[in-house]
Amino acid sequence: MRKALEASIPGIAQSVIPINVESAARFVGIEQITEVETSAFDGLLSATRSGTYVATLRKGQSESRKRFTLAHELGHVIVHTSIGRRAPVTTNELFHCQATTPEEKEEERLCDLLASQLLMPQPQFAQAIQEIGVSAETIPDIAQRFAVSLEAVSKRLLAVLPYEMGIGYWYLSDNNANFMPKWYLTRNGPRSIEQVIAVGSQGSQCFTDTQVRGWQWMSLQGPMDKYFVDVFPLRGPQKAWLLLVVFDSAAQHIMVRMSGNKTAAAQLPLIPE
């Protein structure tokens, strides 16, 4: 993916961060970028009579989400021109916005990878995580540096770090009764968490107004289990937290290594076996 991206946009990996994704889109032939009111898709690409492209984005997306959507549509152009997938051949023919066949699903995966590589180039991303460190507290700072969403930067971190981890976004329900997961990612991709954590129950003490780090019994992927967690409260109108889990017996040492010990997290009390 990096080679295909560099071949299509020479020097892109050395560009100033955050990447100017609109300029990159126009460089590969997306001559027009429009926004429409719709709930059918986040982004859509169509071919023009002259062989260029039009990217149509859904109105109402956050700025970081819109950047990723446009980068994804740019990825379709690179897939079609550099990797050999068939491009639309008729005037204003649309690229599929919903993948149904295995080939289309694979193309969507490739476009997400290309978007991630474009917005978070490997050299600058490696430098950022070295300078800032990686923890539940610093992930928002990394996302802000690259102008991407928390979910996008979390996927990138899980792909590049050599540790078995999970990263999730949790929020307090409207009735203030439960802590609920919005999304949860591992190195193997998104995972579903069916459980919620009731306020006052085991595991709920992770979600406080300050960062906490340590071993904690909680239900994440089924029965109650003991996990090493790093949890940080997020800024915003909604009470929400970023939860990072390290699946390793040496989790505390891994966490210190990743974060560069730059954070002064409150240690959770030791949990008896």
Protein backbone atom coordinates (compact mmCIF):
# COMPACT_ATOMS: atom_id res chain seq x y z
CA MET A 1 0.00 0.00 0.00
CA ARG A 2 2.83 2.39 0.82
CA LYS A 3 4.48 1.69 -2.54
CA ALA A 4 1.23 2.20 -4.44
CA LEU A 5 0.59 5.46 -2.60
CA GLU A 6 4.12 6.76 -3.23
CA ALA A 7 3.90 5.79 -6.91
CA SER A 8 0.65 7.73 -7.30
CA ILE A 9 1.70 10.76 -5.19
CA PRO A 10 5.53 10.95 -5.15
CA GLY A 11 6.93 12.36 -1.94
CA ILE A 12 3.66 12.09 -0.03
CA ALA A 13 5.35 10.27 2.90
CA GLN A 14 7.52 13.34 3.50
CA SER A 15 4.63 15.83 3.38
CA VAL A 16 3.85 18.26 6.17
CA ILE A 17 1.47 16.91 8.82
CA PRO A 18 -1.51 17.05 8.83
CA ILE A 19 -1.71 15.93 5.21
CA ASN A 20 -3.64 18.20 2.85
CA VAL A 21 -6.00 15.46 1.68
CA GLU A 22 -7.91 17.68 -0.77
CA SER A 23 -4.69 18.52 -2.62
CA ALA A 24 -3.77 14.84 -2.67
CA ALA A 25 -7.20 13.98 -4.06
CA ARG A 26 -6.88 16.49 -6.88
CA PHE A 27 -3.37 15.22 -7.66
CA VAL A 28 -4.73 11.74 -8.44
CA GLY A 29 -7.56 13.09 -10.60
CA ILE A 30 -10.46 13.86 -8.28
CA GLU A 31 -11.39 17.15 -9.92
CA GLN A 32 -14.46 17.90 -7.80
CA ILE A 33 -15.38 17.33 -4.15
CA THR A 34 -19.01 17.88 -3.19
CA GLU A 35 -21.14 17.33 -0.09
CA VAL A 36 -24.77 16.19 -0.05
CA GLU A 37 -27.45 15.46 2.52
CA THR A 38 -27.78 11.67 2.61
CA SER A 39 -27.85 8.72 4.95
CA ALA A 40 -27.03 6.14 2.27
CA PHE A 41 -23.24 6.54 2.33
CA ASP A 42 -20.33 8.46 3.80
CA GLY A 43 -18.50 8.80 0.50
CA LEU A 44 -19.01 7.96 -3.17
CA LEU A 45 -16.76 8.17 -6.22
CA SER A 46 -17.92 8.62 -9.81
CA ALA A 47 -16.08 8.83 -13.13
CA THR A 48 -16.49 11.73 -15.56
CA ARG A 49 -16.48 11.76 -19.36
CA SER A 50 -12.91 13.11 -19.36
CA GLY A 51 -11.59 10.26 -17.21
CA THR A 52 -11.34 12.23 -13.99
CA TYR A 53 -13.38 11.66 -10.83
CA VAL A 54 -15.92 13.32 -8.57
CA ALA A 55 -15.96 12.55 -4.82
CA THR A 56 -19.31 13.01 -3.08
CA LEU A 57 -19.23 13.19 0.72
CA ARG A 58 -22.08 13.00 3.21
CA LYS A 59 -22.79 16.29 4.96
CA GLY A 60 -22.58 16.34 8.74
CA GLN A 61 -19.45 14.23 9.18
CA SER A 62 -16.87 15.49 11.65
CA GLU A 63 -13.82 17.09 10.05
CA SER A 64 -11.61 14.12 10.91
CA ARG A 65 -14.20 11.66 9.58
CA LYS A 66 -14.62 13.68 6.38
CA ARG A 67 -10.84 13.65 5.84
CA PHE A 68 -10.75 9.87 6.19
CA THR A 69 -13.76 9.45 3.89
CA LEU A 70 -12.09 11.53 1.17
CA ALA A 71 -8.82 9.64 1.69
CA HIS A 72 -10.77 6.37 1.28
CA GLU A 73 -12.28 7.57 -2.02
CA LEU A 74 -8.79 8.61 -3.13
CA GLY A 75 -7.80 5.05 -2.30
CA HIS A 76 -10.29 3.75 -4.86
CA VAL A 77 -8.53 5.78 -7.57
CA ILE A 78 -5.16 4.32 -6.59
CA VAL A 79 -6.55 0.78 -6.47
CA HIS A 80 -7.99 1.18 -9.97
CA THR A 81 -4.95 2.87 -11.51
CA SER A 82 -2.06 1.25 -9.65
CA ILE A 83 -3.17 -2.19 -8.52
CA GLY A 84 -5.17 -3.17 -11.57
CA ARG A 85 -8.80 -3.19 -10.46
CA ARG A 86 -11.33 -2.28 -13.14
CA ALA A 87 -12.37 1.36 -13.16
CA PRO A 88 -15.86 2.46 -14.28
CA VAL A 89 -16.03 2.75 -18.07
CA THR A 90 -19.22 4.70 -18.68
CA THR A 91 -19.89 8.38 -18.10
CA ASN A 92 -20.74 9.14 -14.48
CA GLU A 93 -20.73 5.46 -13.55
CA LEU A 94 -20.62 5.09 -9.78
CA PHE A 95 -18.20 3.03 -7.79
CA HIS A 96 -20.06 0.73 -5.41
CA CYS A 97 -20.48 2.36 -2.00
CA GLN A 98 -21.57 -0.93 -0.40
CA ALA A 99 -19.35 -3.97 -0.77
CA THR A 100 -21.22 -7.21 -1.43
CA THR A 101 -18.82 -9.51 -3.29
CA PRO A 102 -15.51 -10.78 -1.83
CA GLU A 103 -13.61 -8.70 -4.40
CA GLU A 104 -15.50 -5.54 -3.41
CA LYS A 105 -14.94 -6.22 0.30
CA GLU A 106 -11.23 -6.70 -0.34
CA GLU A 107 -11.13 -3.42 -2.27
CA GLU A 108 -12.79 -1.61 0.63
CA ARG A 109 -10.17 -3.04 2.98
CA LEU A 110 -7.37 -1.89 0.67
CA CYS A 111 -8.88 1.61 0.45
CA ASP A 112 -9.02 1.86 4.25
CA LEU A 113 -5.35 0.83 4.40
CA LEU A 114 -4.45 3.42 1.78
CA ALA A 115 -6.38 6.11 3.65
CA SER A 116 -4.55 5.23 6.85
CA GLN A 117 -1.16 5.31 5.10
CA LEU A 118 -2.00 8.63 3.46
CA LEU A 119 -3.18 10.43 6.59
CA MET A 120 -0.64 8.84 8.96
CA PRO A 121 2.56 8.23 6.94
CA GLN A 122 4.87 5.66 8.50
CA PRO A 123 7.92 7.94 9.14
CA GLN A 124 5.93 10.73 10.77
CA PHE A 125 3.71 8.29 12.68
CA ALA A 126 6.70 6.43 14.11
CA GLN A 127 8.26 9.74 15.14
CA ALA A 128 5.02 10.91 16.77
CA ILE A 129 4.56 7.82 18.94
CA GLN A 130 8.22 8.02 19.93
CA GLU A 131 7.91 11.68 20.95
CA ILE A 132 4.44 11.59 22.51
CA GLY A 133 4.31 8.02 23.79
CA VAL A 134 1.30 5.71 23.59
CA SER A 135 -1.28 5.55 26.36
CA ALA A 136 -4.97 6.22 26.83
CA GLU A 137 -4.01 9.81 27.65
CA THR A 138 -1.78 10.45 24.62
CA ILE A 139 -3.87 8.79 21.88
CA PRO A 140 -6.04 11.95 21.53
CA ASP A 141 -2.83 14.01 21.13
CA ILE A 142 -1.62 11.73 18.33
CA ALA A 143 -5.04 11.93 16.66
CA GLN A 144 -4.95 15.73 16.84
CA ARG A 145 -1.46 15.87 15.31
CA PHE A 146 -2.61 13.94 12.24
CA ALA A 147 -6.16 15.39 12.20
CA VAL A 148 -7.78 11.95 12.33
CA SER A 149 -10.39 10.36 14.58
CA LEU A 150 -9.62 8.43 17.76
CA GLU A 151 -10.85 5.27 16.05
CA ALA A 152 -8.58 5.76 13.02
CA VAL A 153 -5.46 6.41 15.07
CA SER A 154 -6.29 3.47 17.37
CA LYS A 155 -6.48 1.12 14.37
CA ARG A 156 -3.11 2.42 13.16
CA LEU A 157 -1.50 1.96 16.57
CA LEU A 158 -2.76 -1.60 16.87
CA ALA A 159 -1.33 -2.35 13.42
CA VAL A 160 2.17 -0.99 14.11
CA LEU A 161 2.79 -1.80 17.78
CA PRO A 162 4.17 -5.31 18.47
CA TYR A 163 1.87 -5.99 21.41
CA GLU A 164 -1.46 -7.73 21.84
CA MET A 165 -3.79 -4.92 22.89
CA GLY A 166 -7.32 -3.64 22.68
CA ILE A 167 -8.50 -0.03 22.52
CA GLY A 168 -12.09 1.01 23.15
CA TYR A 169 -14.28 4.10 23.49
CA TRP A 170 -16.69 3.98 26.45
CA TYR A 171 -19.35 6.51 27.46
CA LEU A 172 -21.86 7.06 30.25
CA SER A 173 -25.45 6.29 29.27
CA ASP A 174 -28.04 9.07 29.18
CA ASN A 175 -29.63 7.81 32.40
CA ASN A 176 -26.20 7.71 34.13
CA ALA A 177 -26.76 4.03 34.96
CA ASN A 178 -24.24 2.24 32.73
CA PHE A 179 -20.85 2.60 31.09
CA MET A 180 -21.28 1.48 27.48
CA PRO A 181 -18.85 0.67 24.63
CA LYS A 182 -19.16 2.66 21.38
CA TRP A 183 -16.38 0.73 19.62
CA TYR A 184 -13.65 -1.71 20.55
CA LEU A 185 -10.65 -2.65 18.40
CA THR A 186 -7.93 -5.31 18.53
CA ARG A 187 -5.10 -6.25 16.16
CA ASN A 188 -7.59 -8.62 14.51
CA GLY A 189 -10.04 -5.82 13.80
CA PRO A 190 -13.24 -4.53 15.43
CA ARG A 191 -14.76 -6.70 18.15
CA SER A 192 -18.25 -6.67 19.54
CA ILE A 193 -18.77 -6.11 23.26
CA GLU A 194 -22.28 -7.01 24.30
CA GLN A 195 -21.83 -6.25 28.00
CA VAL A 196 -22.32 -2.92 29.69
CA ILE A 197 -20.83 -2.06 33.08
CA ALA A 198 -23.35 -0.83 35.63
CA VAL A 199 -22.32 2.18 37.69
CA GLY A 200 -21.07 0.90 41.04
CA SER A 201 -20.40 -2.65 39.80
CA GLN A 202 -17.08 -4.44 39.39
CA GLY A 203 -14.98 -2.58 36.80
CA SER A 204 -16.85 0.71 37.03
CA GLN A 205 -14.13 2.21 39.25
CA CYS A 206 -11.98 2.52 36.09
CA PHE A 207 -14.21 5.31 34.79
CA THR A 208 -13.32 8.34 36.92
CA ASP A 209 -12.35 11.97 36.40
CA THR A 210 -8.65 11.06 36.43
CA GLN A 211 -6.51 8.56 34.56
CA VAL A 212 -6.22 5.10 36.13
CA ARG A 213 -3.90 2.25 35.28
CA GLY A 214 -3.55 -1.25 36.70
CA TRP A 215 -5.02 -4.74 36.96
CA GLN A 216 -8.78 -4.84 37.15
CA TRP A 217 -11.50 -7.49 37.14
CA MET A 218 -14.14 -6.62 34.54
CA SER A 219 -16.27 -8.12 31.80
CA LEU A 220 -14.97 -7.14 28.35
CA GLN A 221 -15.40 -10.08 25.99
CA GLY A 222 -17.55 -12.47 27.95
CA PRO A 223 -17.11 -13.75 31.52
CA MET A 224 -15.47 -11.65 34.21
CA ASP A 225 -11.68 -11.69 33.83
CA LYS A 226 -8.63 -9.79 35.04
CA TYR A 227 -7.17 -7.24 32.62
CA PHE A 228 -4.41 -4.67 32.74
CA VAL A 229 -6.15 -1.45 31.77
CA ASP A 230 -5.17 2.15 31.12
CA VAL A 231 -8.20 4.47 31.15
CA PHE A 232 -8.36 8.21 30.46
CA PRO A 233 -11.37 10.60 30.57
CA LEU A 234 -11.97 12.43 27.29
CA ARG A 235 -12.82 16.10 26.93
CA GLY A 236 -16.24 16.98 25.53
CA PRO A 237 -19.90 17.43 26.41
CA GLN A 238 -20.44 13.68 26.85
CA LYS A 239 -18.77 11.78 29.67
CA ALA A 240 -16.53 9.34 27.80
CA TRP A 241 -13.29 7.44 28.29
CA LEU A 242 -10.62 5.80 26.18
CA LEU A 243 -9.76 2.35 27.52
CA LEU A 244 -6.55 0.58 26.52
CA VAL A 245 -6.04 -3.08 27.47
CA VAL A 246 -2.71 -4.93 27.33
CA PHE A 247 -3.11 -8.72 27.02
CA ASP A 248 0.21 -9.84 28.49
CA SER A 249 1.51 -10.90 31.91
CA ALA A 250 4.20 -8.21 31.56
CA ALA A 251 1.53 -5.60 30.82
CA GLN A 252 2.76 -3.03 33.34
CA HIS A 253 6.28 -3.04 31.86
CA ILE A 254 4.87 -2.86 28.32
CA MET A 255 2.70 0.08 29.27
CA VAL A 256 5.65 1.96 30.75
CA ARG A 257 7.73 1.22 27.64
CA MET A 258 5.00 2.42 25.27
CA SER A 259 4.16 5.56 27.18
CA GLY A 260 7.76 6.40 27.93
CA ASN A 261 6.53 6.78 31.51
CA LYS A 262 5.30 10.24 30.46
CA THR A 263 2.02 9.85 32.31
CA ALA A 264 1.39 9.88 36.04
CA ALA A 265 -1.57 7.53 36.06
CA ALA A 266 -3.19 6.60 39.34
CA GLN A 267 -2.43 2.95 40.07
CA LEU A 268 -5.50 0.84 40.73
CA PRO A 269 -5.37 -1.19 43.95
CA LEU A 270 -3.98 -4.69 43.63
CA ILE A 271 -6.70 -7.20 42.74
CA PRO A 272 -6.56 -10.49 44.69
CA GLU A 273 -6.63 -13.69 42.64
